[in-house]
Amino acid sequence: MAIKFPSRFKLAHLPTPIEKLTRLSAAWGGADIFVKRDDLTGVGLTGNKIRKLEYVIGQAKEVGANMLITCGGLQSNHARATALAAAQTGLKSYLVLRGEETLIKDGNILLDMLVGSRIKYITAEAYRTHVMEIMCELAEKLQQEGYHSLVIPEGASDALGAFGYFSAIEEIANQLNVQNFQIDYVVCADGSGGTHAGLLLGKKYYKQSFDIIGFNVCDNEAFFVEKINDICQEAITKYALPIKVAKSEIKIIDGYVGEGYALSRPAEIELIKEVAQTEGLILDPVYTGKAMFGLKDQIVRGRFKKGEKVLFIHTGGIFGLFAKKELFY
């Protein structure tokens, strides 16, 4: 049954390639590892957030919004992507970031400022308890300046944003058909749940047999099962999707958060170096580095076995490296 997709504004350079990590697969001695290069969706507009923002910008254009308001951590990839997408499409942006303003602006924050985004810094406690309220209050104040704002949740992880990776499953399925091979698992980092939810919805709709597995980079398995399920059910209801998703189908491998969100252990930094030096593939310390660290450990432990094929979703995040450059000296 065909569905009516939400409006979409093209931003990403698609399709992104699927490449085999031949040397890492051999070195780790288990499953064959492939990577979906969503770090190649663009230069500034790079990573998984761009797929989601195509639908967000589509909605903004539909409702006549001229200001995008969103939130994230200091080095939020989503916030940076939103700021650049706004500038590219003639809109303005306002970012609510968790943490204290730093004297030196580096990484994603440098790009946020470069494209003219306005930034409000709030405490971790304020972010945890009422960031959405803060964004909505900003939207009301900005009306006095003539702005019609669209408020975007963290990571654009809601029913609308999920269509970014719902659509990506069709892209992946077409690529696998052309290349004439199958995969057993699609693996991603879970930071706000929207990418995983979209992948799961797309897998069900396009009747793919591979499993979707997330490595959480914050919180825990129970949190993400609930979060991903909420996004899936919202999307199914809101867009009348002819599919069902059960909580039991949401698969998370917990145990790799380490020191916490955006905090890196030495072993994770060494993994990022190993991947870079072995394959020339650059991971980030917040999302893909932790997820690949978990994938390697699970391969070594025998969960992903020789002969199986794993497709790792590279969700970008390279700019986050620069804010942590001292860890790589």
C-alpha atoms as a PDB file:
ATOM      1  CA  MET A   1       0.000   0.000   0.000  1.00  0.00           C
ATOM      2  CA  ALA A   2       1.470   3.345  -1.089  1.00  0.00           C
ATOM      3  CA  ILE A   3       1.688   6.104   1.490  1.00  0.00           C
ATOM      4  CA  LYS A   4       1.760   9.871   1.154  1.00  0.00           C
ATOM      5  CA  PHE A   5       5.146  11.108   2.285  1.00  0.00           C
ATOM      6  CA  PRO A   6       5.462  14.519   3.971  1.00  0.00           C
ATOM      7  CA  SER A   7       6.864  17.375   1.884  1.00  0.00           C
ATOM      8  CA  ARG A   8      10.601  17.092   1.283  1.00  0.00           C
ATOM      9  CA  PHE A   9      13.160  19.778   0.406  1.00  0.00           C
ATOM     10  CA  LYS A  10      16.282  18.300  -1.206  1.00  0.00           C
ATOM     11  CA  LEU A  11      19.451  19.043   0.760  1.00  0.00           C
ATOM     12  CA  ALA A  12      21.536  15.858   0.812  1.00  0.00           C
ATOM     13  CA  HIS A  13      23.702  14.499  -1.988  1.00  0.00           C
ATOM     14  CA  LEU A  14      22.109  11.084  -2.452  1.00  0.00           C
ATOM     15  CA  PRO A  15      22.464   8.196  -2.749  1.00  0.00           C
ATOM     16  CA  THR A  16      25.466   7.910  -0.460  1.00  0.00           C
ATOM     17  CA  PRO A  17      27.747   4.967  -1.282  1.00  0.00           C
ATOM     18  CA  ILE A  18      28.023   1.639   0.503  1.00  0.00           C
ATOM     19  CA  GLU A  19      31.649   0.579   0.944  1.00  0.00           C
ATOM     20  CA  LYS A  20      33.270  -2.524   2.408  1.00  0.00           C
ATOM     21  CA  LEU A  21      35.800  -2.102   5.217  1.00  0.00           C
ATOM     22  CA  THR A  22      37.946  -4.956   3.962  1.00  0.00           C
ATOM     23  CA  ARG A  23      41.003  -4.508   6.187  1.00  0.00           C
ATOM     24  CA  LEU A  24      39.055  -3.934   9.399  1.00  0.00           C
ATOM     25  CA  SER A  25      36.858  -6.949   8.674  1.00  0.00           C
ATOM     26  CA  ALA A  26      39.964  -9.097   8.304  1.00  0.00           C
ATOM     27  CA  ALA A  27      41.666  -7.611  11.368  1.00  0.00           C
ATOM     28  CA  TRP A  28      38.678  -8.129  13.647  1.00  0.00           C
ATOM     29  CA  GLY A  29      38.115 -11.658  12.409  1.00  0.00           C
ATOM     30  CA  GLY A  30      34.331 -11.799  12.375  1.00  0.00           C
ATOM     31  CA  ALA A  31      31.527 -10.429  10.224  1.00  0.00           C
ATOM     32  CA  ASP A  32      32.150  -8.507   7.004  1.00  0.00           C
ATOM     33  CA  ILE A  33      31.703  -4.803   7.774  1.00  0.00           C
ATOM     34  CA  PHE A  34      30.186  -2.406   5.273  1.00  0.00           C
ATOM     35  CA  VAL A  35      29.579   1.290   5.822  1.00  0.00           C
ATOM     36  CA  LYS A  36      26.768   3.485   4.524  1.00  0.00           C
ATOM     37  CA  ARG A  37      28.627   6.757   3.965  1.00  0.00           C
ATOM     38  CA  ASP A  38      26.100   9.277   5.219  1.00  0.00           C
ATOM     39  CA  ASP A  39      29.066  11.396   6.221  1.00  0.00           C
ATOM     40  CA  LEU A  40      29.134  12.195   2.487  1.00  0.00           C
ATOM     41  CA  THR A  41      25.716  13.872   2.275  1.00  0.00           C
ATOM     42  CA  GLY A  42      27.573  17.174   1.956  1.00  0.00           C
ATOM     43  CA  VAL A  43      30.380  19.237   3.486  1.00  0.00           C
ATOM     44  CA  GLY A  44      28.742  21.440   6.126  1.00  0.00           C
ATOM     45  CA  LEU A  45      25.444  19.641   5.594  1.00  0.00           C
ATOM     46  CA  THR A  46      26.956  16.299   6.492  1.00  0.00           C
ATOM     47  CA  GLY A  47      25.601  13.353   8.419  1.00  0.00           C
ATOM     48  CA  ASN A  48      22.338  11.703   9.338  1.00  0.00           C
ATOM     49  CA  LYS A  49      20.645  14.931  10.429  1.00  0.00           C
ATOM     50  CA  ILE A  50      20.434  16.129   6.841  1.00  0.00           C
ATOM     51  CA  ARG A  51      18.075  13.344   5.811  1.00  0.00           C
ATOM     52  CA  LYS A  52      15.745  14.335   8.648  1.00  0.00           C
ATOM     53  CA  LEU A  53      16.048  18.050   7.918  1.00  0.00           C
ATOM     54  CA  GLU A  54      14.890  17.550   4.343  1.00  0.00           C
ATOM     55  CA  TYR A  55      11.438  16.837   5.783  1.00  0.00           C
ATOM     56  CA  VAL A  56      11.708  19.547   8.439  1.00  0.00           C
ATOM     57  CA  ILE A  57      12.558  22.194   5.829  1.00  0.00           C
ATOM     58  CA  GLY A  58       9.748  20.847   3.673  1.00  0.00           C
ATOM     59  CA  GLN A  59       7.340  21.494   6.539  1.00  0.00           C
ATOM     60  CA  ALA A  60       8.861  24.929   7.224  1.00  0.00           C
ATOM     61  CA  LYS A  61       8.257  25.943   3.625  1.00  0.00           C
ATOM     62  CA  GLU A  62       4.695  24.599   3.775  1.00  0.00           C
ATOM     63  CA  VAL A  63       3.739  26.605   6.864  1.00  0.00           C
ATOM     64  CA  GLY A  64       5.650  29.748   5.892  1.00  0.00           C
ATOM     65  CA  ALA A  65       8.193  29.604   8.730  1.00  0.00           C
ATOM     66  CA  ASN A  66      11.212  31.879   8.443  1.00  0.00           C
ATOM     67  CA  MET A  67      12.991  30.848  11.676  1.00  0.00           C
ATOM     68  CA  LEU A  68      14.133  27.411  12.842  1.00  0.00           C
ATOM     69  CA  ILE A  69      14.582  26.876  16.579  1.00  0.00           C
ATOM     70  CA  THR A  70      16.232  23.724  17.862  1.00  0.00           C
ATOM     71  CA  CYS A  71      18.428  22.382  20.641  1.00  0.00           C
ATOM     72  CA  GLY A  72      21.341  20.131  21.489  1.00  0.00           C
ATOM     73  CA  GLY A  73      24.655  19.860  23.286  1.00  0.00           C
ATOM     74  CA  LEU A  74      27.459  22.364  22.785  1.00  0.00           C
ATOM     75  CA  GLN A  75      28.844  20.369  19.864  1.00  0.00           C
ATOM     76  CA  SER A  76      25.473  19.259  18.528  1.00  0.00           C
ATOM     77  CA  ASN A  77      25.677  17.962  14.961  1.00  0.00           C
ATOM     78  CA  HIS A  78      21.943  18.461  14.626  1.00  0.00           C
ATOM     79  CA  ALA A  79      22.144  22.099  15.723  1.00  0.00           C
ATOM     80  CA  ARG A  80      24.962  22.767  13.258  1.00  0.00           C
ATOM     81  CA  ALA A  81      23.109  21.013  10.462  1.00  0.00           C
ATOM     82  CA  THR A  82      19.954  23.007  11.234  1.00  0.00           C
ATOM     83  CA  ALA A  83      21.898  26.285  11.194  1.00  0.00           C
ATOM     84  CA  LEU A  84      23.484  25.491   7.820  1.00  0.00           C
ATOM     85  CA  ALA A  85      20.250  24.160   6.327  1.00  0.00           C
ATOM     86  CA  ALA A  86      18.483  27.342   7.401  1.00  0.00           C
ATOM     87  CA  ALA A  87      21.131  29.548   5.795  1.00  0.00           C
ATOM     88  CA  GLN A  88      21.075  27.477   2.606  1.00  0.00           C
ATOM     89  CA  THR A  89      17.299  27.782   2.271  1.00  0.00           C
ATOM     90  CA  GLY A  90      16.927  31.461   3.149  1.00  0.00           C
ATOM     91  CA  LEU A  91      15.781  30.964   6.748  1.00  0.00           C
ATOM     92  CA  LYS A  92      17.200  32.094  10.099  1.00  0.00           C
ATOM     93  CA  SER A  93      18.079  29.851  13.030  1.00  0.00           C
ATOM     94  CA  TYR A  94      18.194  30.013  16.821  1.00  0.00           C
ATOM     95  CA  LEU A  95      19.993  27.298  18.796  1.00  0.00           C
ATOM     96  CA  VAL A  96      19.450  26.411  22.457  1.00  0.00           C
ATOM     97  CA  LEU A  97      22.620  24.644  23.557  1.00  0.00           C
ATOM     98  CA  ARG A  98      23.273  22.702  26.756  1.00  0.00           C
ATOM     99  CA  GLY A  99      26.375  23.992  28.569  1.00  0.00           C
ATOM    100  CA  GLU A 100      28.414  27.104  29.187  1.00  0.00           C
ATOM    101  CA  GLU A 101      29.642  29.396  26.441  1.00  0.00           C
ATOM    102  CA  THR A 102      33.363  28.914  25.826  1.00  0.00           C
ATOM    103  CA  LEU A 103      35.901  31.601  25.033  1.00  0.00           C
ATOM    104  CA  ILE A 104      37.265  29.701  22.030  1.00  0.00           C
ATOM    105  CA  LYS A 105      34.638  28.737  19.499  1.00  0.00           C
ATOM    106  CA  ASP A 106      35.576  25.451  17.858  1.00  0.00           C
ATOM    107  CA  GLY A 107      34.038  22.606  15.886  1.00  0.00           C
ATOM    108  CA  ASN A 108      30.301  22.821  15.314  1.00  0.00           C
ATOM    109  CA  ILE A 109      29.902  26.065  17.278  1.00  0.00           C
ATOM    110  CA  LEU A 110      32.300  27.834  14.921  1.00  0.00           C
ATOM    111  CA  LEU A 111      30.100  26.807  11.996  1.00  0.00           C
ATOM    112  CA  ASP A 112      26.936  27.798  13.885  1.00  0.00           C
ATOM    113  CA  MET A 113      28.326  31.295  14.301  1.00  0.00           C
ATOM    114  CA  LEU A 114      29.729  31.474  10.779  1.00  0.00           C
ATOM    115  CA  VAL A 115      26.258  31.120   9.248  1.00  0.00           C
ATOM    116  CA  GLY A 116      24.777  33.685  11.645  1.00  0.00           C
ATOM    117  CA  SER A 117      22.801  31.459  13.968  1.00  0.00           C
ATOM    118  CA  ARG A 118      21.747  33.001  17.269  1.00  0.00           C
ATOM    119  CA  ILE A 119      22.672  30.915  20.304  1.00  0.00           C
ATOM    120  CA  LYS A 120      21.222  30.649  23.807  1.00  0.00           C
ATOM    121  CA  TYR A 121      23.249  28.673  26.351  1.00  0.00           C
ATOM    122  CA  ILE A 122      21.384  26.954  29.190  1.00  0.00           C
ATOM    123  CA  THR A 123      22.375  24.694  32.082  1.00  0.00           C
ATOM    124  CA  ALA A 124      22.176  20.922  31.879  1.00  0.00           C
ATOM    125  CA  GLU A 125      19.387  20.974  34.477  1.00  0.00           C
ATOM    126  CA  ALA A 126      17.322  23.517  32.526  1.00  0.00           C
ATOM    127  CA  TYR A 127      17.855  21.492  29.380  1.00  0.00           C
ATOM    128  CA  ARG A 128      16.764  18.263  31.048  1.00  0.00           C
ATOM    129  CA  THR A 129      13.630  19.689  32.637  1.00  0.00           C
ATOM    130  CA  HIS A 130      12.192  22.218  30.181  1.00  0.00           C
ATOM    131  CA  VAL A 131      14.167  22.754  26.982  1.00  0.00           C
ATOM    132  CA  MET A 132      11.004  22.514  24.862  1.00  0.00           C
ATOM    133  CA  GLU A 133       9.343  25.179  26.996  1.00  0.00           C
ATOM    134  CA  ILE A 134      12.382  27.428  26.553  1.00  0.00           C
ATOM    135  CA  MET A 135      12.251  27.001  22.779  1.00  0.00           C
ATOM    136  CA  CYS A 136       8.534  27.736  22.657  1.00  0.00           C
ATOM    137  CA  GLU A 137       9.068  30.894  24.740  1.00  0.00           C
ATOM    138  CA  LEU A 138      11.751  31.968  22.274  1.00  0.00           C
ATOM    139  CA  ALA A 139       9.320  31.415  19.417  1.00  0.00           C
ATOM    140  CA  GLU A 140       6.788  33.718  21.105  1.00  0.00           C
ATOM    141  CA  LYS A 141       9.385  36.455  21.661  1.00  0.00           C
ATOM    142  CA  LEU A 142      10.627  36.195  18.086  1.00  0.00           C
ATOM    143  CA  GLN A 143       7.120  36.944  16.825  1.00  0.00           C
ATOM    144  CA  GLN A 144       7.749  40.537  17.932  1.00  0.00           C
ATOM    145  CA  GLU A 145      10.683  40.639  15.503  1.00  0.00           C
ATOM    146  CA  GLY A 146       8.508  39.397  12.664  1.00  0.00           C
ATOM    147  CA  TYR A 147       9.561  35.752  12.767  1.00  0.00           C
ATOM    148  CA  HIS A 148       7.285  32.761  12.298  1.00  0.00           C
ATOM    149  CA  SER A 149       9.233  29.988  14.021  1.00  0.00           C
ATOM    150  CA  LEU A 150       9.250  26.228  13.591  1.00  0.00           C
ATOM    151  CA  VAL A 151      10.387  24.502  16.795  1.00  0.00           C
ATOM    152  CA  ILE A 152      12.357  21.303  16.110  1.00  0.00           C
ATOM    153  CA  PRO A 153      12.944  18.711  18.855  1.00  0.00           C
ATOM    154  CA  GLU A 154      16.399  17.422  19.718  1.00  0.00           C
ATOM    155  CA  GLY A 155      17.900  15.603  16.753  1.00  0.00           C
ATOM    156  CA  ALA A 156      14.714  16.192  14.732  1.00  0.00           C
ATOM    157  CA  SER A 157      13.770  12.900  16.362  1.00  0.00           C
ATOM    158  CA  ASP A 158      10.018  12.791  15.946  1.00  0.00           C
ATOM    159  CA  ALA A 159       7.510  11.320  13.517  1.00  0.00           C
ATOM    160  CA  LEU A 160       8.398  13.818  10.781  1.00  0.00           C
ATOM    161  CA  GLY A 161      12.172  13.468  11.134  1.00  0.00           C
ATOM    162  CA  ALA A 162      11.877   9.667  11.105  1.00  0.00           C
ATOM    163  CA  PHE A 163      11.025   9.835   7.412  1.00  0.00           C
ATOM    164  CA  GLY A 164      14.665  10.677   6.719  1.00  0.00           C
ATOM    165  CA  TYR A 165      15.728   7.107   7.475  1.00  0.00           C
ATOM    166  CA  PHE A 166      12.434   5.583   6.435  1.00  0.00           C
ATOM    167  CA  SER A 167      13.382   6.812   2.944  1.00  0.00           C
ATOM    168  CA  ALA A 168      17.005   5.721   3.428  1.00  0.00           C
ATOM    169  CA  ILE A 169      15.898   2.094   3.706  1.00  0.00           C
ATOM    170  CA  GLU A 170      14.464   2.252   0.192  1.00  0.00           C
ATOM    171  CA  GLU A 171      17.788   3.702  -0.975  1.00  0.00           C
ATOM    172  CA  ILE A 172      19.742   0.942   0.771  1.00  0.00           C
ATOM    173  CA  ALA A 173      17.461  -1.787  -0.598  1.00  0.00           C
ATOM    174  CA  ASN A 174      17.920  -0.482  -4.147  1.00  0.00           C
ATOM    175  CA  GLN A 175      21.703  -0.381  -3.736  1.00  0.00           C
ATOM    176  CA  LEU A 176      21.809  -3.926  -2.398  1.00  0.00           C
ATOM    177  CA  ASN A 177      19.704  -5.119  -5.331  1.00  0.00           C
ATOM    178  CA  VAL A 178      22.007  -3.447  -7.848  1.00  0.00           C
ATOM    179  CA  GLN A 179      25.130  -4.811  -6.132  1.00  0.00           C
ATOM    180  CA  ASN A 180      23.431  -8.207  -5.791  1.00  0.00           C
ATOM    181  CA  PHE A 181      24.170  -8.980  -2.172  1.00  0.00           C
ATOM    182  CA  GLN A 182      22.303  -9.135   1.120  1.00  0.00           C
ATOM    183  CA  ILE A 183      23.153  -7.944   4.603  1.00  0.00           C
ATOM    184  CA  ASP A 184      22.220  -9.412   7.959  1.00  0.00           C
ATOM    185  CA  TYR A 185      22.356  -6.312  10.176  1.00  0.00           C
ATOM    186  CA  VAL A 186      22.092  -2.547   9.939  1.00  0.00           C
ATOM    187  CA  VAL A 187      23.901  -0.897  12.864  1.00  0.00           C
ATOM    188  CA  CYS A 188      23.630   2.709  14.024  1.00  0.00           C
ATOM    189  CA  ALA A 189      24.466   4.933  16.975  1.00  0.00           C
ATOM    190  CA  ASP A 190      21.478   5.915  19.128  1.00  0.00           C
ATOM    191  CA  GLY A 191      21.635   9.447  20.525  1.00  0.00           C
ATOM    192  CA  SER A 192      18.044  10.659  20.247  1.00  0.00           C
ATOM    193  CA  GLY A 193      16.339   7.657  18.619  1.00  0.00           C
ATOM    194  CA  GLY A 194      15.084   9.191  15.375  1.00  0.00           C
ATOM    195  CA  THR A 195      17.515   7.483  13.014  1.00  0.00           C
ATOM    196  CA  HIS A 196      16.834   4.065  14.541  1.00  0.00           C
ATOM    197  CA  ALA A 197      13.067   4.642  14.467  1.00  0.00           C
ATOM    198  CA  GLY A 198      13.165   5.640  10.800  1.00  0.00           C
ATOM    199  CA  LEU A 199      15.281   2.632   9.881  1.00  0.00           C
ATOM    200  CA  LEU A 200      12.873   0.288  11.669  1.00  0.00           C
ATOM    201  CA  LEU A 201       9.795   1.838  10.060  1.00  0.00           C
ATOM    202  CA  GLY A 202      11.430   1.639   6.625  1.00  0.00           C
ATOM    203  CA  LYS A 203      12.500  -1.961   7.168  1.00  0.00           C
ATOM    204  CA  LYS A 204       8.925  -2.945   7.967  1.00  0.00           C
ATOM    205  CA  TYR A 205       7.375  -0.968   5.102  1.00  0.00           C
ATOM    206  CA  TYR A 206       9.866  -2.137   2.459  1.00  0.00           C
ATOM    207  CA  LYS A 207       9.822  -5.697   3.819  1.00  0.00           C
ATOM    208  CA  GLN A 208      13.544  -6.061   4.447  1.00  0.00           C
ATOM    209  CA  SER A 209      14.859  -9.086   6.333  1.00  0.00           C
ATOM    210  CA  PHE A 210      17.913  -7.591   8.049  1.00  0.00           C
ATOM    211  CA  ASP A 211      17.878  -6.649  11.725  1.00  0.00           C
ATOM    212  CA  ILE A 212      18.256  -3.032  12.882  1.00  0.00           C
ATOM    213  CA  ILE A 213      20.561  -2.757  15.908  1.00  0.00           C
ATOM    214  CA  GLY A 214      21.445   0.398  17.828  1.00  0.00           C
ATOM    215  CA  PHE A 215      24.341   1.141  20.147  1.00  0.00           C
ATOM    216  CA  ASN A 216      23.185   3.758  22.649  1.00  0.00           C
ATOM    217  CA  VAL A 217      25.693   6.567  23.300  1.00  0.00           C
ATOM    218  CA  CYS A 218      23.791   7.920  26.311  1.00  0.00           C
ATOM    219  CA  ASP A 219      21.051   6.790  28.710  1.00  0.00           C
ATOM    220  CA  ASN A 220      20.316   3.042  28.538  1.00  0.00           C
ATOM    221  CA  GLU A 221      18.523   0.304  26.616  1.00  0.00           C
ATOM    222  CA  ALA A 222      15.177   0.790  28.396  1.00  0.00           C
ATOM    223  CA  PHE A 223      15.185   4.523  27.666  1.00  0.00           C
ATOM    224  CA  PHE A 224      15.785   4.012  23.950  1.00  0.00           C
ATOM    225  CA  VAL A 225      13.273   1.202  23.580  1.00  0.00           C
ATOM    226  CA  GLU A 226      10.622   3.581  24.918  1.00  0.00           C
ATOM    227  CA  LYS A 227      11.863   6.566  22.895  1.00  0.00           C
ATOM    228  CA  ILE A 228      12.113   4.686  19.601  1.00  0.00           C
ATOM    229  CA  ASN A 229       8.754   3.011  20.172  1.00  0.00           C
ATOM    230  CA  ASP A 230       7.119   6.397  20.858  1.00  0.00           C
ATOM    231  CA  ILE A 231       8.487   7.832  17.595  1.00  0.00           C
ATOM    232  CA  CYS A 232       7.406   4.754  15.629  1.00  0.00           C
ATOM    233  CA  GLN A 233       3.878   4.760  17.044  1.00  0.00           C
ATOM    234  CA  GLU A 234       3.545   8.509  16.497  1.00  0.00           C
ATOM    235  CA  ALA A 235       4.601   8.127  12.865  1.00  0.00           C
ATOM    236  CA  ILE A 236       2.322   5.134  12.264  1.00  0.00           C
ATOM    237  CA  THR A 237      -0.667   7.010  13.680  1.00  0.00           C
ATOM    238  CA  LYS A 238       0.027  10.468  12.261  1.00  0.00           C
ATOM    239  CA  TYR A 239       0.811   9.282   8.729  1.00  0.00           C
ATOM    240  CA  ALA A 240      -1.474   6.227   8.618  1.00  0.00           C
ATOM    241  CA  LEU A 241       1.401   3.850   7.884  1.00  0.00           C
ATOM    242  CA  PRO A 242       0.185   0.340   7.010  1.00  0.00           C
ATOM    243  CA  ILE A 243       2.686  -1.369   9.321  1.00  0.00           C
ATOM    244  CA  LYS A 244       3.075  -2.380  12.953  1.00  0.00           C
ATOM    245  CA  VAL A 245       6.127  -2.126  15.177  1.00  0.00           C
ATOM    246  CA  ALA A 246       6.379  -4.017  18.458  1.00  0.00           C
ATOM    247  CA  LYS A 247       8.722  -3.064  21.280  1.00  0.00           C
ATOM    248  CA  SER A 248      10.313  -6.509  20.979  1.00  0.00           C
ATOM    249  CA  GLU A 249      11.582  -5.516  17.511  1.00  0.00           C
ATOM    250  CA  ILE A 250      13.620  -2.615  18.916  1.00  0.00           C
ATOM    251  CA  LYS A 251      17.099  -4.032  19.445  1.00  0.00           C
ATOM    252  CA  ILE A 252      19.691  -2.110  21.449  1.00  0.00           C
ATOM    253  CA  ILE A 253      23.139  -3.280  22.529  1.00  0.00           C
ATOM    254  CA  ASP A 254      23.817  -1.469  25.790  1.00  0.00           C
ATOM    255  CA  GLY A 255      27.067  -1.116  27.676  1.00  0.00           C
ATOM    256  CA  TYR A 256      29.130   1.259  25.527  1.00  0.00           C
ATOM    257  CA  VAL A 257      28.179   4.671  26.902  1.00  0.00           C
ATOM    258  CA  GLY A 258      31.478   4.653  28.784  1.00  0.00           C
ATOM    259  CA  GLU A 259      32.130   7.842  30.749  1.00  0.00           C
ATOM    260  CA  GLY A 260      28.889   9.365  29.456  1.00  0.00           C
ATOM    261  CA  TYR A 261      27.479  11.338  26.553  1.00  0.00           C
ATOM    262  CA  ALA A 262      30.230  13.133  24.588  1.00  0.00           C
ATOM    263  CA  LEU A 263      32.874  11.873  27.047  1.00  0.00           C
ATOM    264  CA  SER A 264      35.594   9.670  25.616  1.00  0.00           C
ATOM    265  CA  ARG A 265      37.633   6.890  27.169  1.00  0.00           C
ATOM    266  CA  PRO A 266      41.197   6.287  25.907  1.00  0.00           C
ATOM    267  CA  ALA A 267      40.084   2.986  24.334  1.00  0.00           C
ATOM    268  CA  GLU A 268      37.447   4.812  22.266  1.00  0.00           C
ATOM    269  CA  ILE A 269      40.023   7.329  21.037  1.00  0.00           C
ATOM    270  CA  GLU A 270      42.337   4.460  20.067  1.00  0.00           C
ATOM    271  CA  LEU A 271      39.479   2.845  18.134  1.00  0.00           C
ATOM    272  CA  ILE A 272      38.918   6.073  16.183  1.00  0.00           C
ATOM    273  CA  LYS A 273      42.643   6.141  15.370  1.00  0.00           C
ATOM    274  CA  GLU A 274      42.600   2.463  14.342  1.00  0.00           C
ATOM    275  CA  VAL A 275      39.719   2.967  11.914  1.00  0.00           C
ATOM    276  CA  ALA A 276      41.304   6.106  10.478  1.00  0.00           C
ATOM    277  CA  GLN A 277      44.699   4.476  10.007  1.00  0.00           C
ATOM    278  CA  THR A 278      43.343   1.181   8.666  1.00  0.00           C
ATOM    279  CA  GLU A 279      40.595   2.429   6.341  1.00  0.00           C
ATOM    280  CA  GLY A 280      41.018   6.215   6.069  1.00  0.00           C
ATOM    281  CA  LEU A 281      37.537   6.502   7.577  1.00  0.00           C
ATOM    282  CA  ILE A 282      37.016   9.330  10.065  1.00  0.00           C
ATOM    283  CA  LEU A 283      34.666   8.688  12.981  1.00  0.00           C
ATOM    284  CA  ASP A 284      33.539  11.169  15.634  1.00  0.00           C
ATOM    285  CA  PRO A 285      33.986  10.818  19.407  1.00  0.00           C
ATOM    286  CA  VAL A 286      30.316  11.277  20.358  1.00  0.00           C
ATOM    287  CA  TYR A 287      28.344   8.910  18.104  1.00  0.00           C
ATOM    288  CA  THR A 288      30.097   6.809  15.474  1.00  0.00           C
ATOM    289  CA  GLY A 289      33.232   6.289  17.569  1.00  0.00           C
ATOM    290  CA  LYS A 290      31.248   4.787  20.447  1.00  0.00           C
ATOM    291  CA  ALA A 291      29.045   2.713  18.135  1.00  0.00           C
ATOM    292  CA  MET A 292      32.023   1.316  16.192  1.00  0.00           C
ATOM    293  CA  PHE A 293      33.816   0.614  19.490  1.00  0.00           C
ATOM    294  CA  GLY A 294      30.777  -1.416  20.538  1.00  0.00           C
ATOM    295  CA  LEU A 295      30.575  -3.170  17.180  1.00  0.00           C
ATOM    296  CA  LYS A 296      34.233  -4.207  17.332  1.00  0.00           C
ATOM    297  CA  ASP A 297      33.835  -5.555  20.870  1.00  0.00           C
ATOM    298  CA  GLN A 298      30.730  -7.518  19.895  1.00  0.00           C
ATOM    299  CA  ILE A 299      32.521  -8.964  16.854  1.00  0.00           C
ATOM    300  CA  VAL A 300      35.436 -10.055  19.053  1.00  0.00           C
ATOM    301  CA  ARG A 301      32.940 -11.584  21.507  1.00  0.00           C
ATOM    302  CA  GLY A 302      31.330 -13.559  18.651  1.00  0.00           C
ATOM    303  CA  ARG A 303      27.934 -11.895  18.371  1.00  0.00           C
ATOM    304  CA  PHE A 304      28.512 -10.928  14.726  1.00  0.00           C
ATOM    305  CA  LYS A 305      30.043 -14.012  13.160  1.00  0.00           C
ATOM    306  CA  LYS A 306      32.239 -14.769  10.179  1.00  0.00           C
ATOM    307  CA  GLY A 307      30.131 -14.939   7.023  1.00  0.00           C
ATOM    308  CA  GLU A 308      27.575 -12.439   8.306  1.00  0.00           C
ATOM    309  CA  LYS A 309      27.376  -8.953   6.812  1.00  0.00           C
ATOM    310  CA  VAL A 310      26.943  -5.806   8.889  1.00  0.00           C
ATOM    311  CA  LEU A 311      26.082  -2.400   7.418  1.00  0.00           C
ATOM    312  CA  PHE A 312      27.244   0.420   9.702  1.00  0.00           C
ATOM    313  CA  ILE A 313      25.448   3.753   9.232  1.00  0.00           C
ATOM    314  CA  HIS A 314      28.094   6.481   9.296  1.00  0.00           C
ATOM    315  CA  THR A 315      26.123   9.393  10.715  1.00  0.00           C
ATOM    316  CA  GLY A 316      28.842  12.015  10.271  1.00  0.00           C
ATOM    317  CA  GLY A 317      29.971  14.261  13.125  1.00  0.00           C
ATOM    318  CA  ILE A 318      33.531  14.980  11.985  1.00  0.00           C
ATOM    319  CA  PHE A 319      33.440  18.570  13.299  1.00  0.00           C
ATOM    320  CA  GLY A 320      33.108  17.251  16.840  1.00  0.00           C
ATOM    321  CA  LEU A 321      36.689  15.986  16.570  1.00  0.00           C
ATOM    322  CA  PHE A 322      38.109  19.503  16.554  1.00  0.00           C
ATOM    323  CA  ALA A 323      36.606  20.384  19.933  1.00  0.00           C
ATOM    324  CA  LYS A 324      38.371  17.290  21.380  1.00  0.00           C
ATOM    325  CA  LYS A 325      41.614  17.592  19.470  1.00  0.00           C
ATOM    326  CA  GLU A 326      43.777  17.454  22.618  1.00  0.00           C
ATOM    327  CA  LEU A 327      42.673  13.821  23.134  1.00  0.00           C
ATOM    328  CA  PHE A 328      44.446  12.802  19.920  1.00  0.00           C
ATOM    329  CA  TYR A 329      47.872  14.348  20.554  1.00  0.00           C
END
